[in-house]
């Protein structure tokens, strides 16, 4: 029988060959504590209650999204092992999966002003770029000067979240304002990442998020204000101004149902139009 450590390592090796680097990183981080606690145990000796206790313990100070992802990781590796006959039977059935945190609002102008006034020049540049184009933080952190194509009008990424689904590169459109931010970030450099941190090193999504949270917390802003809301802000405004299909294209969505989360009804506008519904 395989130990937990053996199965986790084998699964991560499979991910390294079959999945993107970001997917590999996700499962490595999500399974690290599970491997550390149960690594020497045979997988089939585990019990449902042990796994539930583990999830409860590691999730004490975690967000709902993190706890949700921990459950997803365990479900995925067990299903993977079952499909390949690496284990004889499931050791746990349904695990309670918290609803991940929903990003359902956009930052207020006052919040944005505080974030931009307190951030470094390097931080503000990439944050403004995220707001301008609606890219995922990881996409802009990963983008290189070589990824700028078609005369500077698009950033084209071969490795991205939906690459396996679409088989196509992720195209981040570059308008005039976005181009100015890119030019400022690059300067006279000819290679490397587009956006660099204050230390001159490439931004990592976790460092970018950590910087955002520090500014937020230092200035007493609400805890639900997170870096990813820059994408939500763009998606919401693009959906309202350009329509759901155009917004989905710009956000890199594969299905219009994904873009629908950005289609927030303006109750004040609806209220003012209510009398026009019936003649």
C-alpha atoms as a PDB file:
ATOM      1  CA  UNK A   1       0.000   0.000   0.000  1.00  0.00           C
ATOM      2  CA  UNK A   2       1.190   3.501  -0.797  1.00  0.00           C
ATOM      3  CA  UNK A   3       1.935   6.032   1.893  1.00  0.00           C
ATOM      4  CA  UNK A   4       0.398   9.476   1.859  1.00  0.00           C
ATOM      5  CA  UNK A   5       3.788  11.012   1.058  1.00  0.00           C
ATOM      6  CA  UNK A   6       4.273   8.649  -1.890  1.00  0.00           C
ATOM      7  CA  UNK A   7       0.850   9.408  -3.324  1.00  0.00           C
ATOM      8  CA  UNK A   8       1.196  13.151  -2.892  1.00  0.00           C
ATOM      9  CA  UNK A   9       4.637  13.148  -4.487  1.00  0.00           C
ATOM     10  CA  UNK A  10       3.458  10.977  -7.358  1.00  0.00           C
ATOM     11  CA  UNK A  11       0.443  13.209  -7.936  1.00  0.00           C
ATOM     12  CA  UNK A  12       2.614  16.337  -7.950  1.00  0.00           C
ATOM     13  CA  UNK A  13       4.980  14.687 -10.446  1.00  0.00           C
ATOM     14  CA  UNK A  14       1.960  13.975 -12.649  1.00  0.00           C
ATOM     15  CA  UNK A  15       0.806  17.588 -12.311  1.00  0.00           C
ATOM     16  CA  UNK A  16       4.258  18.801 -13.311  1.00  0.00           C
ATOM     17  CA  UNK A  17       3.947  16.858 -16.568  1.00  0.00           C
ATOM     18  CA  UNK A  18       0.250  17.305 -17.320  1.00  0.00           C
ATOM     19  CA  UNK A  19      -0.791  20.618 -15.788  1.00  0.00           C
ATOM     20  CA  UNK A  20       0.380  24.219 -15.761  1.00  0.00           C
ATOM     21  CA  UNK A  21       2.962  25.553 -13.349  1.00  0.00           C
ATOM     22  CA  UNK A  22       0.268  27.515 -11.521  1.00  0.00           C
ATOM     23  CA  UNK A  23      -1.826  24.347 -11.054  1.00  0.00           C
ATOM     24  CA  UNK A  24       1.209  22.478  -9.752  1.00  0.00           C
ATOM     25  CA  UNK A  25       1.926  25.324  -7.344  1.00  0.00           C
ATOM     26  CA  UNK A  26      -1.692  25.305  -6.150  1.00  0.00           C
ATOM     27  CA  UNK A  27      -1.715  21.596  -5.275  1.00  0.00           C
ATOM     28  CA  UNK A  28       1.760  21.644  -3.775  1.00  0.00           C
ATOM     29  CA  UNK A  29       0.754  24.396  -1.354  1.00  0.00           C
ATOM     30  CA  UNK A  30      -2.689  22.936  -0.608  1.00  0.00           C
ATOM     31  CA  UNK A  31      -1.313  19.439   0.135  1.00  0.00           C
ATOM     32  CA  UNK A  32       1.827  20.467   2.046  1.00  0.00           C
ATOM     33  CA  UNK A  33       0.321  20.366   5.547  1.00  0.00           C
ATOM     34  CA  UNK A  34      -1.621  17.192   4.791  1.00  0.00           C
ATOM     35  CA  UNK A  35       1.594  15.504   3.668  1.00  0.00           C
ATOM     36  CA  UNK A  36       3.473  16.789   6.710  1.00  0.00           C
ATOM     37  CA  UNK A  37       0.892  15.376   9.131  1.00  0.00           C
ATOM     38  CA  UNK A  38       0.126  12.019   7.491  1.00  0.00           C
ATOM     39  CA  UNK A  39       3.099  11.425   5.177  1.00  0.00           C
ATOM     40  CA  UNK A  40       4.333   8.222   6.834  1.00  0.00           C
ATOM     41  CA  UNK A  41       0.853   6.694   7.045  1.00  0.00           C
ATOM     42  CA  UNK A  42      -0.588   4.338   4.466  1.00  0.00           C
ATOM     43  CA  UNK A  43      -3.327   6.199   2.624  1.00  0.00           C
ATOM     44  CA  UNK A  44      -5.873   3.450   3.235  1.00  0.00           C
ATOM     45  CA  UNK A  45      -5.292   3.590   6.989  1.00  0.00           C
ATOM     46  CA  UNK A  46      -6.701   7.119   7.157  1.00  0.00           C
ATOM     47  CA  UNK A  47     -10.205   7.717   8.451  1.00  0.00           C
ATOM     48  CA  UNK A  48     -12.857  10.262   7.618  1.00  0.00           C
ATOM     49  CA  UNK A  49     -12.746  11.796  11.095  1.00  0.00           C
ATOM     50  CA  UNK A  50      -8.955  12.219  10.964  1.00  0.00           C
ATOM     51  CA  UNK A  51      -9.182  14.086   7.687  1.00  0.00           C
ATOM     52  CA  UNK A  52     -12.053  16.252   8.917  1.00  0.00           C
ATOM     53  CA  UNK A  53     -10.061  17.082  12.076  1.00  0.00           C
ATOM     54  CA  UNK A  54      -7.052  17.974   9.927  1.00  0.00           C
ATOM     55  CA  UNK A  55      -9.111  20.296   7.740  1.00  0.00           C
ATOM     56  CA  UNK A  56     -10.648  21.903  10.795  1.00  0.00           C
ATOM     57  CA  UNK A  57      -7.260  22.510  12.415  1.00  0.00           C
ATOM     58  CA  UNK A  58      -5.479  23.955   9.377  1.00  0.00           C
ATOM     59  CA  UNK A  59      -8.533  26.050   8.590  1.00  0.00           C
ATOM     60  CA  UNK A  60      -8.833  27.782  11.965  1.00  0.00           C
ATOM     61  CA  UNK A  61      -7.275  31.032  10.794  1.00  0.00           C
ATOM     62  CA  UNK A  62      -7.907  30.572   7.072  1.00  0.00           C
ATOM     63  CA  UNK A  63     -10.492  32.243   4.863  1.00  0.00           C
ATOM     64  CA  UNK A  64     -13.435  30.319   3.444  1.00  0.00           C
ATOM     65  CA  UNK A  65     -11.719  30.335   0.059  1.00  0.00           C
ATOM     66  CA  UNK A  66      -8.583  28.692   1.476  1.00  0.00           C
ATOM     67  CA  UNK A  67     -10.603  26.078   3.359  1.00  0.00           C
ATOM     68  CA  UNK A  68     -12.624  25.413   0.213  1.00  0.00           C
ATOM     69  CA  UNK A  69      -9.448  24.896  -1.814  1.00  0.00           C
ATOM     70  CA  UNK A  70      -8.003  22.527   0.812  1.00  0.00           C
ATOM     71  CA  UNK A  71     -11.052  20.278   0.395  1.00  0.00           C
ATOM     72  CA  UNK A  72     -10.841  20.499  -3.406  1.00  0.00           C
ATOM     73  CA  UNK A  73      -7.209  19.343  -3.273  1.00  0.00           C
ATOM     74  CA  UNK A  74      -7.972  16.289  -1.135  1.00  0.00           C
ATOM     75  CA  UNK A  75     -10.954  15.308  -3.276  1.00  0.00           C
ATOM     76  CA  UNK A  76      -8.847  15.669  -6.410  1.00  0.00           C
ATOM     77  CA  UNK A  77      -5.922  13.542  -5.267  1.00  0.00           C
ATOM     78  CA  UNK A  78      -8.187  10.773  -3.964  1.00  0.00           C
ATOM     79  CA  UNK A  79     -10.140  10.651  -7.244  1.00  0.00           C
ATOM     80  CA  UNK A  80      -6.874  10.682  -9.180  1.00  0.00           C
ATOM     81  CA  UNK A  81      -5.502   7.755  -7.156  1.00  0.00           C
ATOM     82  CA  UNK A  82      -8.756   5.779  -7.466  1.00  0.00           C
ATOM     83  CA  UNK A  83      -8.836   6.248 -11.237  1.00  0.00           C
ATOM     84  CA  UNK A  84      -5.332   4.736 -11.492  1.00  0.00           C
ATOM     85  CA  UNK A  85      -5.939   1.888  -9.010  1.00  0.00           C
ATOM     86  CA  UNK A  86      -3.273   3.266  -6.696  1.00  0.00           C
ATOM     87  CA  UNK A  87      -5.681   2.853  -3.786  1.00  0.00           C
ATOM     88  CA  UNK A  88      -8.367   0.176  -3.449  1.00  0.00           C
ATOM     89  CA  UNK A  89     -11.118   2.345  -2.027  1.00  0.00           C
ATOM     90  CA  UNK A  90     -11.933   5.870  -0.934  1.00  0.00           C
ATOM     91  CA  UNK A  91     -11.025   6.659   2.668  1.00  0.00           C
ATOM     92  CA  UNK A  92     -13.415   9.594   2.907  1.00  0.00           C
ATOM     93  CA  UNK A  93     -16.750  10.426   1.411  1.00  0.00           C
ATOM     94  CA  UNK A  94     -18.196  13.912   1.086  1.00  0.00           C
ATOM     95  CA  UNK A  95     -16.177  16.590   2.886  1.00  0.00           C
ATOM     96  CA  UNK A  96     -17.861  19.805   3.930  1.00  0.00           C
ATOM     97  CA  UNK A  97     -16.675  22.496   1.550  1.00  0.00           C
ATOM     98  CA  UNK A  98     -17.156  26.129   2.688  1.00  0.00           C
ATOM     99  CA  UNK A  99     -18.470  28.498   0.087  1.00  0.00           C
ATOM    100  CA  UNK A 100     -15.491  30.501  -1.172  1.00  0.00           C
ATOM    101  CA  UNK A 101     -15.487  34.219  -0.574  1.00  0.00           C
ATOM    102  CA  UNK A 102     -17.428  36.104  -3.210  1.00  0.00           C
ATOM    103  CA  UNK A 103     -15.923  39.225  -4.768  1.00  0.00           C
ATOM    104  CA  UNK A 104     -19.176  41.037  -5.343  1.00  0.00           C
ATOM    105  CA  UNK A 105     -18.234  44.684  -5.017  1.00  0.00           C
ATOM    106  CA  UNK A 106     -15.853  47.173  -6.526  1.00  0.00           C
ATOM    107  CA  UNK A 107     -13.530  49.458  -4.544  1.00  0.00           C
ATOM    108  CA  UNK A 108     -14.890  52.887  -3.817  1.00  0.00           C
ATOM    109  CA  UNK A 109     -13.064  55.924  -5.256  1.00  0.00           C
ATOM    110  CA  UNK A 110     -11.984  56.805  -1.709  1.00  0.00           C
ATOM    111  CA  UNK A 111     -10.502  53.340  -1.133  1.00  0.00           C
ATOM    112  CA  UNK A 112      -8.677  53.442  -4.455  1.00  0.00           C
ATOM    113  CA  UNK A 113      -7.248  56.866  -3.677  1.00  0.00           C
ATOM    114  CA  UNK A 114      -5.917  55.644  -0.327  1.00  0.00           C
ATOM    115  CA  UNK A 115      -4.324  52.546  -1.867  1.00  0.00           C
ATOM    116  CA  UNK A 116      -2.641  54.568  -4.623  1.00  0.00           C
ATOM    117  CA  UNK A 117      -1.465  57.340  -2.312  1.00  0.00           C
ATOM    118  CA  UNK A 118       0.144  54.864   0.099  1.00  0.00           C
ATOM    119  CA  UNK A 119       1.723  52.441  -2.373  1.00  0.00           C
ATOM    120  CA  UNK A 120       5.185  52.599  -3.896  1.00  0.00           C
ATOM    121  CA  UNK A 121       5.563  53.710  -7.489  1.00  0.00           C
ATOM    122  CA  UNK A 122       6.202  50.120  -8.590  1.00  0.00           C
ATOM    123  CA  UNK A 123       3.129  48.835  -6.747  1.00  0.00           C
ATOM    124  CA  UNK A 124       0.856  51.603  -8.020  1.00  0.00           C
ATOM    125  CA  UNK A 125       1.952  50.973 -11.584  1.00  0.00           C
ATOM    126  CA  UNK A 126       0.977  47.311 -11.641  1.00  0.00           C
ATOM    127  CA  UNK A 127      -2.157  47.957  -9.576  1.00  0.00           C
ATOM    128  CA  UNK A 128      -3.287  50.603 -12.047  1.00  0.00           C
ATOM    129  CA  UNK A 129      -2.535  48.191 -14.887  1.00  0.00           C
ATOM    130  CA  UNK A 130      -4.729  45.537 -13.251  1.00  0.00           C
ATOM    131  CA  UNK A 131      -7.560  48.061 -12.983  1.00  0.00           C
ATOM    132  CA  UNK A 132      -7.009  49.188 -16.561  1.00  0.00           C
ATOM    133  CA  UNK A 133      -7.070  45.813 -18.320  1.00  0.00           C
ATOM    134  CA  UNK A 134      -8.831  43.407 -15.942  1.00  0.00           C
ATOM    135  CA  UNK A 135      -6.064  40.807 -16.031  1.00  0.00           C
ATOM    136  CA  UNK A 136      -5.615  38.321 -13.230  1.00  0.00           C
ATOM    137  CA  UNK A 137      -2.779  39.356 -10.876  1.00  0.00           C
ATOM    138  CA  UNK A 138      -0.789  36.260 -11.782  1.00  0.00           C
ATOM    139  CA  UNK A 139      -1.022  37.101 -15.467  1.00  0.00           C
ATOM    140  CA  UNK A 140       0.556  40.544 -15.148  1.00  0.00           C
ATOM    141  CA  UNK A 141       3.149  39.279 -12.671  1.00  0.00           C
ATOM    142  CA  UNK A 142       4.175  36.617 -15.188  1.00  0.00           C
ATOM    143  CA  UNK A 143       4.045  38.747 -18.346  1.00  0.00           C
ATOM    144  CA  UNK A 144       7.400  39.462 -19.978  1.00  0.00           C
ATOM    145  CA  UNK A 145       8.570  42.076 -22.456  1.00  0.00           C
ATOM    146  CA  UNK A 146       8.757  39.286 -25.050  1.00  0.00           C
ATOM    147  CA  UNK A 147       5.027  38.640 -24.524  1.00  0.00           C
ATOM    148  CA  UNK A 148       4.170  42.082 -25.933  1.00  0.00           C
ATOM    149  CA  UNK A 149       2.985  41.457 -29.475  1.00  0.00           C
ATOM    150  CA  UNK A 150       1.438  43.136 -32.498  1.00  0.00           C
ATOM    151  CA  UNK A 151       3.171  46.459 -32.170  1.00  0.00           C
ATOM    152  CA  UNK A 152       2.499  46.748 -28.457  1.00  0.00           C
ATOM    153  CA  UNK A 153      -1.270  46.304 -28.710  1.00  0.00           C
ATOM    154  CA  UNK A 154      -1.548  42.972 -26.891  1.00  0.00           C
ATOM    155  CA  UNK A 155       0.158  40.881 -24.220  1.00  0.00           C
ATOM    156  CA  UNK A 156       0.007  37.233 -25.270  1.00  0.00           C
ATOM    157  CA  UNK A 157       0.511  34.504 -22.659  1.00  0.00           C
ATOM    158  CA  UNK A 158       0.843  30.844 -23.618  1.00  0.00           C
ATOM    159  CA  UNK A 159       0.625  29.707 -19.988  1.00  0.00           C
ATOM    160  CA  UNK A 160      -2.584  30.787 -18.299  1.00  0.00           C
ATOM    161  CA  UNK A 161      -5.592  29.576 -16.315  1.00  0.00           C
ATOM    162  CA  UNK A 162      -7.739  28.394 -19.236  1.00  0.00           C
ATOM    163  CA  UNK A 163      -4.967  27.163 -21.540  1.00  0.00           C
ATOM    164  CA  UNK A 164      -6.017  23.501 -21.282  1.00  0.00           C
ATOM    165  CA  UNK A 165      -9.661  24.329 -22.002  1.00  0.00           C
ATOM    166  CA  UNK A 166      -9.113  26.629 -24.948  1.00  0.00           C
ATOM    167  CA  UNK A 167      -5.796  25.541 -26.425  1.00  0.00           C
ATOM    168  CA  UNK A 168      -5.284  29.225 -27.161  1.00  0.00           C
ATOM    169  CA  UNK A 169      -3.028  31.912 -25.681  1.00  0.00           C
ATOM    170  CA  UNK A 170      -4.470  34.471 -23.295  1.00  0.00           C
ATOM    171  CA  UNK A 171      -4.619  37.823 -25.063  1.00  0.00           C
ATOM    172  CA  UNK A 172      -4.609  40.876 -22.806  1.00  0.00           C
ATOM    173  CA  UNK A 173      -5.524  43.874 -24.900  1.00  0.00           C
ATOM    174  CA  UNK A 174      -3.387  46.990 -24.498  1.00  0.00           C
ATOM    175  CA  UNK A 175      -5.013  50.380 -24.958  1.00  0.00           C
ATOM    176  CA  UNK A 176      -3.276  53.765 -24.817  1.00  0.00           C
ATOM    177  CA  UNK A 177      -3.460  54.110 -21.010  1.00  0.00           C
ATOM    178  CA  UNK A 178      -2.261  50.558 -20.472  1.00  0.00           C
ATOM    179  CA  UNK A 179       0.556  51.111 -22.943  1.00  0.00           C
ATOM    180  CA  UNK A 180       1.739  54.150 -21.004  1.00  0.00           C
ATOM    181  CA  UNK A 181       1.907  52.087 -17.803  1.00  0.00           C
ATOM    182  CA  UNK A 182       3.864  49.387 -19.629  1.00  0.00           C
ATOM    183  CA  UNK A 183       6.307  51.895 -21.075  1.00  0.00           C
ATOM    184  CA  UNK A 184       6.902  53.391 -17.632  1.00  0.00           C
ATOM    185  CA  UNK A 185       7.447  49.921 -16.167  1.00  0.00           C
ATOM    186  CA  UNK A 186       9.887  48.806 -18.867  1.00  0.00           C
ATOM    187  CA  UNK A 187      11.916  51.962 -19.337  1.00  0.00           C
ATOM    188  CA  UNK A 188      14.911  51.115 -21.506  1.00  0.00           C
ATOM    189  CA  UNK A 189      14.937  47.399 -20.614  1.00  0.00           C
ATOM    190  CA  UNK A 190      14.797  44.914 -23.510  1.00  0.00           C
ATOM    191  CA  UNK A 191      13.973  41.702 -21.665  1.00  0.00           C
ATOM    192  CA  UNK A 192      12.566  40.306 -18.443  1.00  0.00           C
ATOM    193  CA  UNK A 193       9.226  40.739 -16.714  1.00  0.00           C
ATOM    194  CA  UNK A 194       7.217  43.822 -17.567  1.00  0.00           C
ATOM    195  CA  UNK A 195       6.408  44.804 -13.991  1.00  0.00           C
ATOM    196  CA  UNK A 196       9.084  44.767 -11.297  1.00  0.00           C
ATOM    197  CA  UNK A 197       8.791  45.245  -7.549  1.00  0.00           C
ATOM    198  CA  UNK A 198      10.566  48.087  -5.703  1.00  0.00           C
ATOM    199  CA  UNK A 199      13.562  45.749  -5.239  1.00  0.00           C
ATOM    200  CA  UNK A 200      13.890  45.306  -8.995  1.00  0.00           C
ATOM    201  CA  UNK A 201      12.749  41.697  -8.846  1.00  0.00           C
ATOM    202  CA  UNK A 202       9.669  40.341 -10.639  1.00  0.00           C
ATOM    203  CA  UNK A 203       6.422  40.627  -8.722  1.00  0.00           C
ATOM    204  CA  UNK A 204       4.922  37.409  -7.411  1.00  0.00           C
ATOM    205  CA  UNK A 205       1.132  37.286  -6.913  1.00  0.00           C
ATOM    206  CA  UNK A 206       1.497  36.462  -3.221  1.00  0.00           C
ATOM    207  CA  UNK A 207       3.886  39.397  -2.656  1.00  0.00           C
ATOM    208  CA  UNK A 208       1.600  41.731  -4.574  1.00  0.00           C
ATOM    209  CA  UNK A 209      -1.395  40.623  -2.494  1.00  0.00           C
ATOM    210  CA  UNK A 210       0.614  40.930   0.712  1.00  0.00           C
ATOM    211  CA  UNK A 211       1.613  44.494  -0.187  1.00  0.00           C
ATOM    212  CA  UNK A 212      -2.010  45.360  -0.932  1.00  0.00           C
ATOM    213  CA  UNK A 213      -3.224  43.888   2.380  1.00  0.00           C
ATOM    214  CA  UNK A 214      -0.590  45.777   4.358  1.00  0.00           C
ATOM    215  CA  UNK A 215      -1.663  49.093   2.851  1.00  0.00           C
ATOM    216  CA  UNK A 216      -5.302  48.201   3.465  1.00  0.00           C
ATOM    217  CA  UNK A 217      -4.761  47.196   7.087  1.00  0.00           C
ATOM    218  CA  UNK A 218      -2.411  50.083   7.872  1.00  0.00           C
ATOM    219  CA  UNK A 219      -5.119  52.512   6.767  1.00  0.00           C
ATOM    220  CA  UNK A 220      -8.038  50.751   8.436  1.00  0.00           C
ATOM    221  CA  UNK A 221      -9.842  49.788   5.242  1.00  0.00           C
ATOM    222  CA  UNK A 222     -12.399  46.978   5.170  1.00  0.00           C
ATOM    223  CA  UNK A 223     -11.098  43.399   5.158  1.00  0.00           C
ATOM    224  CA  UNK A 224     -13.168  42.485   2.112  1.00  0.00           C
ATOM    225  CA  UNK A 225     -11.068  44.898   0.047  1.00  0.00           C
ATOM    226  CA  UNK A 226      -8.651  42.562  -1.733  1.00  0.00           C
ATOM    227  CA  UNK A 227      -6.311  42.878  -4.695  1.00  0.00           C
ATOM    228  CA  UNK A 228      -8.492  40.742  -6.971  1.00  0.00           C
ATOM    229  CA  UNK A 229     -11.232  43.362  -6.798  1.00  0.00           C
ATOM    230  CA  UNK A 230      -9.226  45.316  -9.392  1.00  0.00           C
ATOM    231  CA  UNK A 231     -10.274  42.647 -11.890  1.00  0.00           C
ATOM    232  CA  UNK A 232     -13.822  42.711 -10.576  1.00  0.00           C
ATOM    233  CA  UNK A 233     -13.911  46.492 -10.954  1.00  0.00           C
ATOM    234  CA  UNK A 234     -12.841  46.270 -14.580  1.00  0.00           C
ATOM    235  CA  UNK A 235     -15.204  43.383 -15.318  1.00  0.00           C
ATOM    236  CA  UNK A 236     -18.178  45.162 -13.781  1.00  0.00           C
ATOM    237  CA  UNK A 237     -17.593  48.404 -15.665  1.00  0.00           C
ATOM    238  CA  UNK A 238     -16.748  46.630 -18.937  1.00  0.00           C
ATOM    239  CA  UNK A 239     -19.950  44.583 -18.713  1.00  0.00           C
ATOM    240  CA  UNK A 240     -21.992  47.714 -18.095  1.00  0.00           C
ATOM    241  CA  UNK A 241     -20.393  49.795 -20.850  1.00  0.00           C
ATOM    242  CA  UNK A 242     -19.450  47.231 -23.513  1.00  0.00           C
ATOM    243  CA  UNK A 243     -21.810  44.315 -22.938  1.00  0.00           C
ATOM    244  CA  UNK A 244     -21.302  40.895 -21.438  1.00  0.00           C
ATOM    245  CA  UNK A 245     -19.748  39.254 -24.501  1.00  0.00           C
ATOM    246  CA  UNK A 246     -17.121  41.949 -25.047  1.00  0.00           C
ATOM    247  CA  UNK A 247     -16.319  41.973 -21.319  1.00  0.00           C
ATOM    248  CA  UNK A 248     -15.904  38.189 -21.310  1.00  0.00           C
ATOM    249  CA  UNK A 249     -13.488  38.397 -24.226  1.00  0.00           C
ATOM    250  CA  UNK A 250     -11.388  41.033 -22.468  1.00  0.00           C
ATOM    251  CA  UNK A 251     -11.380  39.092 -19.199  1.00  0.00           C
ATOM    252  CA  UNK A 252     -10.314  35.858 -20.891  1.00  0.00           C
ATOM    253  CA  UNK A 253     -13.435  33.882 -19.977  1.00  0.00           C
ATOM    254  CA  UNK A 254     -14.300  30.713 -21.882  1.00  0.00           C
ATOM    255  CA  UNK A 255     -18.032  30.864 -21.054  1.00  0.00           C
ATOM    256  CA  UNK A 256     -20.434  33.782 -20.844  1.00  0.00           C
ATOM    257  CA  UNK A 257     -21.873  32.307 -17.632  1.00  0.00           C
ATOM    258  CA  UNK A 258     -18.586  33.163 -15.923  1.00  0.00           C
ATOM    259  CA  UNK A 259     -18.898  36.784 -17.001  1.00  0.00           C
ATOM    260  CA  UNK A 260     -22.432  36.994 -15.624  1.00  0.00           C
ATOM    261  CA  UNK A 261     -21.054  37.439 -12.110  1.00  0.00           C
ATOM    262  CA  UNK A 262     -19.937  40.901 -13.187  1.00  0.00           C
ATOM    263  CA  UNK A 263     -23.397  41.918 -14.387  1.00  0.00           C
ATOM    264  CA  UNK A 264     -24.624  43.740 -11.274  1.00  0.00           C
ATOM    265  CA  UNK A 265     -27.999  45.423 -11.541  1.00  0.00           C
ATOM    266  CA  UNK A 266     -28.000  49.086 -10.495  1.00  0.00           C
ATOM    267  CA  UNK A 267     -31.053  49.280  -8.237  1.00  0.00           C
ATOM    268  CA  UNK A 268     -31.198  53.071  -8.410  1.00  0.00           C
ATOM    269  CA  UNK A 269     -31.290  52.931 -12.196  1.00  0.00           C
ATOM    270  CA  UNK A 270     -33.878  50.151 -12.159  1.00  0.00           C
ATOM    271  CA  UNK A 271     -36.004  52.069  -9.685  1.00  0.00           C
ATOM    272  CA  UNK A 272     -36.026  55.153 -11.882  1.00  0.00           C
ATOM    273  CA  UNK A 273     -37.026  53.045 -14.883  1.00  0.00           C
ATOM    274  CA  UNK A 274     -39.755  51.065 -13.112  1.00  0.00           C
ATOM    275  CA  UNK A 275     -42.583  53.353 -14.241  1.00  0.00           C
ATOM    276  CA  UNK A 276     -41.630  52.795 -17.887  1.00  0.00           C
ATOM    277  CA  UNK A 277     -42.109  49.020 -17.743  1.00  0.00           C
ATOM    278  CA  UNK A 278     -45.890  49.202 -18.165  1.00  0.00           C
ATOM    279  CA  UNK A 279     -47.611  51.793 -20.326  1.00  0.00           C
END
